[in-house]
Structure formats: C-alpha cells, structure tokens
Amino acid sequence: MPPMPELMSHVYEWFINLTNTRRNYGWGVTPLTYTEIYCWSKLRGIELDDWELDTLLTLDRVYISVEADAAAKRRK
C-alpha cells in the first residue's frame, strides 16, 4: 500500500474519529450523515473545505463497502 499523502492525513484522522462514533443497529454499518459530520465539525471547531468533505464521504463509501463484503464472507 502506498504511503498516505501528507495533504490528506488529517482527513483520514477525522474519518477515524467519526467512524468511532458510528452507530450499528444490527443490520450492518450505517453511513455517516451530513448532520453527523456537521455536528462533529462544529464541536471540534473545524471548518471543512469542499474537498475534505468529499474525501470524508468517499472514505465512508469505501469503508461501508469493505465492511459489507466482510460481513457477507462471515455469513458463508
């Protein structure tokens, strides 16, 4: 795996922070919502640039996909 670009490392740290507060209702991983991201950023005093928000949402889609694949494999 290539090293993470320095420009993006803070966004990945934010994503991990947000992921640790994610809810799971027993039906799999739920996506992060705009409301959750907005509230988190306000609580942290972070003003997201457009590319940072887009990156968080992209990371979330990848995370959910990987988790869904892993859950499917566990069910087999």
C-alpha atoms as a PDB file:
ATOM      1  CA  MET A   1       0.000   0.000   0.000  1.00  0.00           C
ATOM      2  CA  PRO A   2       1.435   3.405  -0.901  1.00  0.00           C
ATOM      3  CA  PRO A   3       2.023   5.896   1.895  1.00  0.00           C
ATOM      4  CA  MET A   4      -0.769   8.347   2.604  1.00  0.00           C
ATOM      5  CA  PRO A   5      -0.212  11.781   1.108  1.00  0.00           C
ATOM      6  CA  GLU A   6       0.612  14.286   3.838  1.00  0.00           C
ATOM      7  CA  LEU A   7      -2.077  16.630   2.498  1.00  0.00           C
ATOM      8  CA  MET A   8      -4.743  14.029   3.288  1.00  0.00           C
ATOM      9  CA  SER A   9      -3.552  12.611   6.614  1.00  0.00           C
ATOM     10  CA  HIS A  10      -5.674  14.961   8.725  1.00  0.00           C
ATOM     11  CA  VAL A  11      -8.814  13.954   6.793  1.00  0.00           C
ATOM     12  CA  TYR A  12      -8.090  10.294   7.465  1.00  0.00           C
ATOM     13  CA  GLU A  13      -7.661  11.055  11.172  1.00  0.00           C
ATOM     14  CA  TRP A  14     -11.010  12.881  11.111  1.00  0.00           C
ATOM     15  CA  PHE A  15     -12.604   9.892   9.398  1.00  0.00           C
ATOM     16  CA  ILE A  16     -11.310   7.507  12.066  1.00  0.00           C
ATOM     17  CA  ASN A  17     -12.644   9.847  14.757  1.00  0.00           C
ATOM     18  CA  LEU A  18     -16.064   9.945  13.097  1.00  0.00           C
ATOM     19  CA  THR A  19     -16.088   6.191  12.488  1.00  0.00           C
ATOM     20  CA  ASN A  20     -15.514   5.522  16.171  1.00  0.00           C
ATOM     21  CA  THR A  21     -18.845   7.222  16.918  1.00  0.00           C
ATOM     22  CA  ARG A  22     -20.737   5.342  14.192  1.00  0.00           C
ATOM     23  CA  ARG A  23     -23.929   3.529  15.137  1.00  0.00           C
ATOM     24  CA  ASN A  24     -24.685  -0.056  14.266  1.00  0.00           C
ATOM     25  CA  TYR A  25     -28.286  -1.182  14.554  1.00  0.00           C
ATOM     26  CA  GLY A  26     -27.513  -4.815  13.842  1.00  0.00           C
ATOM     27  CA  TRP A  27     -28.170  -4.534  10.111  1.00  0.00           C
ATOM     28  CA  GLY A  28     -24.668  -3.545   9.168  1.00  0.00           C
ATOM     29  CA  VAL A  29     -22.690  -0.372   9.216  1.00  0.00           C
ATOM     30  CA  THR A  30     -24.672   2.812   8.709  1.00  0.00           C
ATOM     31  CA  PRO A  31     -23.296   5.617   6.559  1.00  0.00           C
ATOM     32  CA  LEU A  32     -22.151   8.832   8.132  1.00  0.00           C
ATOM     33  CA  THR A  33     -24.716  11.548   7.593  1.00  0.00           C
ATOM     34  CA  TYR A  34     -24.221  15.174   6.696  1.00  0.00           C
ATOM     35  CA  THR A  35     -25.782  16.024  10.069  1.00  0.00           C
ATOM     36  CA  GLU A  36     -23.275  13.881  11.962  1.00  0.00           C
ATOM     37  CA  ILE A  37     -20.351  15.343  10.045  1.00  0.00           C
ATOM     38  CA  TYR A  38     -21.675  18.889  10.528  1.00  0.00           C
ATOM     39  CA  CYS A  39     -22.206  18.442  14.279  1.00  0.00           C
ATOM     40  CA  TRP A  40     -18.800  16.795  14.713  1.00  0.00           C
ATOM     41  CA  SER A  41     -17.062  19.584  12.820  1.00  0.00           C
ATOM     42  CA  LYS A  42     -18.835  22.283  14.856  1.00  0.00           C
ATOM     43  CA  LEU A  43     -17.983  20.557  18.147  1.00  0.00           C
ATOM     44  CA  ARG A  44     -14.345  20.327  17.048  1.00  0.00           C
ATOM     45  CA  GLY A  45     -14.205  23.855  15.625  1.00  0.00           C
ATOM     46  CA  ILE A  46     -13.294  22.544  12.192  1.00  0.00           C
ATOM     47  CA  GLU A  47     -14.424  24.264   9.009  1.00  0.00           C
ATOM     48  CA  LEU A  48     -14.262  21.695   6.243  1.00  0.00           C
ATOM     49  CA  ASP A  49     -13.163  22.608   2.749  1.00  0.00           C
ATOM     50  CA  ASP A  50     -15.253  21.072  -0.032  1.00  0.00           C
ATOM     51  CA  TRP A  51     -12.533  18.585  -0.927  1.00  0.00           C
ATOM     52  CA  GLU A  52     -12.242  17.498   2.717  1.00  0.00           C
ATOM     53  CA  LEU A  53     -15.976  16.804   2.963  1.00  0.00           C
ATOM     54  CA  ASP A  54     -15.914  14.966  -0.362  1.00  0.00           C
ATOM     55  CA  THR A  55     -12.956  12.896   0.832  1.00  0.00           C
ATOM     56  CA  LEU A  56     -14.716  12.004   4.100  1.00  0.00           C
ATOM     57  CA  LEU A  57     -17.767  10.859   2.142  1.00  0.00           C
ATOM     58  CA  THR A  58     -15.621   8.842  -0.271  1.00  0.00           C
ATOM     59  CA  LEU A  59     -13.750   7.183   2.586  1.00  0.00           C
ATOM     60  CA  ASP A  60     -17.107   6.358   4.152  1.00  0.00           C
ATOM     61  CA  ARG A  61     -18.427   4.722   0.966  1.00  0.00           C
ATOM     62  CA  VAL A  62     -15.278   2.596   0.720  1.00  0.00           C
ATOM     63  CA  TYR A  63     -15.482   1.674   4.411  1.00  0.00           C
ATOM     64  CA  ILE A  64     -19.119   0.589   4.098  1.00  0.00           C
ATOM     65  CA  SER A  65     -18.351  -1.468   1.002  1.00  0.00           C
ATOM     66  CA  VAL A  66     -15.432  -3.252   2.674  1.00  0.00           C
ATOM     67  CA  GLU A  67     -17.496  -3.906   5.805  1.00  0.00           C
ATOM     68  CA  ALA A  68     -20.391  -5.287   3.732  1.00  0.00           C
ATOM     69  CA  ASP A  69     -18.041  -7.642   1.867  1.00  0.00           C
ATOM     70  CA  ALA A  70     -16.521  -8.841   5.143  1.00  0.00           C
ATOM     71  CA  ALA A  71     -19.978  -9.418   6.650  1.00  0.00           C
ATOM     72  CA  ALA A  72     -21.038 -11.414   3.576  1.00  0.00           C
ATOM     73  CA  LYS A  73     -17.951 -13.617   3.891  1.00  0.00           C
ATOM     74  CA  ARG A  74     -18.666 -14.212   7.594  1.00  0.00           C
ATOM     75  CA  ARG A  75     -22.202 -15.371   6.751  1.00  0.00           C
ATOM     76  CA  LYS A  76     -20.935 -18.017   4.310  1.00  0.00           C
END
